[in-house]
C-alpha atoms as a PDB file:
ATOM      1  CA  UNK A   1     -66.118 -63.670 133.689  1.00  0.00           C
ATOM      2  CA  UNK A   2     -63.856 -61.881 136.188  1.00  0.00           C
ATOM      3  CA  UNK A   3     -65.223 -59.436 138.768  1.00  0.00           C
ATOM      4  CA  UNK A   4     -63.670 -57.510 141.652  1.00  0.00           C
ATOM      5  CA  UNK A   5     -64.614 -55.572 144.794  1.00  0.00           C
ATOM      6  CA  UNK A   6     -62.688 -53.327 147.176  1.00  0.00           C
ATOM      7  CA  UNK A   7     -62.314 -54.919 150.611  1.00  0.00           C
ATOM      8  CA  UNK A   8     -59.859 -52.406 152.157  1.00  0.00           C
ATOM      9  CA  UNK A   9     -59.341 -49.111 150.303  1.00  0.00           C
ATOM     10  CA  UNK A  10     -56.271 -48.265 152.412  1.00  0.00           C
ATOM     11  CA  UNK A  11     -54.453 -51.257 150.925  1.00  0.00           C
ATOM     12  CA  UNK A  12     -55.207 -50.372 147.290  1.00  0.00           C
ATOM     13  CA  UNK A  13     -52.041 -49.081 145.533  1.00  0.00           C
ATOM     14  CA  UNK A  14     -52.161 -45.350 144.748  1.00  0.00           C
ATOM     15  CA  UNK A  15     -51.830 -46.052 141.020  1.00  0.00           C
ATOM     16  CA  UNK A  16     -55.389 -47.455 141.106  1.00  0.00           C
ATOM     17  CA  UNK A  17     -56.903 -44.498 142.970  1.00  0.00           C
ATOM     18  CA  UNK A  18     -58.341 -41.475 141.157  1.00  0.00           C
ATOM     19  CA  UNK A  19     -59.841 -38.175 142.344  1.00  0.00           C
ATOM     20  CA  UNK A  20     -63.395 -37.635 141.080  1.00  0.00           C
ATOM     21  CA  UNK A  21     -63.247 -33.952 140.080  1.00  0.00           C
ATOM     22  CA  UNK A  22     -66.880 -34.119 138.933  1.00  0.00           C
ATOM     23  CA  UNK A  23     -67.849 -34.604 142.576  1.00  0.00           C
ATOM     24  CA  UNK A  24     -65.086 -32.543 144.210  1.00  0.00           C
ATOM     25  CA  UNK A  25     -65.438 -29.317 142.172  1.00  0.00           C
ATOM     26  CA  UNK A  26     -69.140 -28.642 142.944  1.00  0.00           C
ATOM     27  CA  UNK A  27     -68.550 -29.298 146.656  1.00  0.00           C
ATOM     28  CA  UNK A  28     -65.634 -26.827 146.748  1.00  0.00           C
ATOM     29  CA  UNK A  29     -67.589 -24.214 144.756  1.00  0.00           C
ATOM     30  CA  UNK A  30     -70.681 -24.578 146.973  1.00  0.00           C
ATOM     31  CA  UNK A  31     -68.557 -24.056 150.091  1.00  0.00           C
ATOM     32  CA  UNK A  32     -66.834 -21.052 148.460  1.00  0.00           C
ATOM     33  CA  UNK A  33     -63.508 -22.599 149.436  1.00  0.00           C
ATOM     34  CA  UNK A  34     -64.357 -22.918 153.125  1.00  0.00           C
ATOM     35  CA  UNK A  35     -64.477 -26.732 153.193  1.00  0.00           C
ATOM     36  CA  UNK A  36     -61.414 -28.653 154.372  1.00  0.00           C
ATOM     37  CA  UNK A  37     -60.680 -32.011 152.753  1.00  0.00           C
ATOM     38  CA  UNK A  38     -57.650 -33.986 153.981  1.00  0.00           C
ATOM     39  CA  UNK A  39     -54.996 -34.218 151.281  1.00  0.00           C
ATOM     40  CA  UNK A  40     -56.617 -31.531 149.098  1.00  0.00           C
ATOM     41  CA  UNK A  41     -55.429 -27.903 148.878  1.00  0.00           C
ATOM     42  CA  UNK A  42     -58.322 -25.571 148.097  1.00  0.00           C
ATOM     43  CA  UNK A  43     -57.473 -22.126 146.754  1.00  0.00           C
ATOM     44  CA  UNK A  44     -58.896 -19.286 144.675  1.00  0.00           C
ATOM     45  CA  UNK A  45     -57.250 -18.528 141.351  1.00  0.00           C
ATOM     46  CA  UNK A  46     -58.489 -15.180 139.994  1.00  0.00           C
ATOM     47  CA  UNK A  47     -59.442 -15.024 136.327  1.00  0.00           C
ATOM     48  CA  UNK A  48     -58.433 -11.896 134.425  1.00  0.00           C
ATOM     49  CA  UNK A  49     -61.083 -10.778 131.949  1.00  0.00           C
ATOM     50  CA  UNK A  50     -60.180  -8.465 129.076  1.00  0.00           C
ATOM     51  CA  UNK A  51     -62.779  -6.498 127.137  1.00  0.00           C
ATOM     52  CA  UNK A  52     -61.614  -5.556 123.618  1.00  0.00           C
ATOM     53  CA  UNK A  53     -64.308  -2.966 122.956  1.00  0.00           C
END
């Protein structure tokens, strides 16, 4: 039975790292884009709504 643990995250190859959007998205939304996270670009992308009535 093989197990593992991270001992130094900085040494882990990028191919094994993944952004957790389930955590990141609510934080960005709650800050209304005002939070700064190193390595992450936060921006507002307007959504165009069309009413067909």
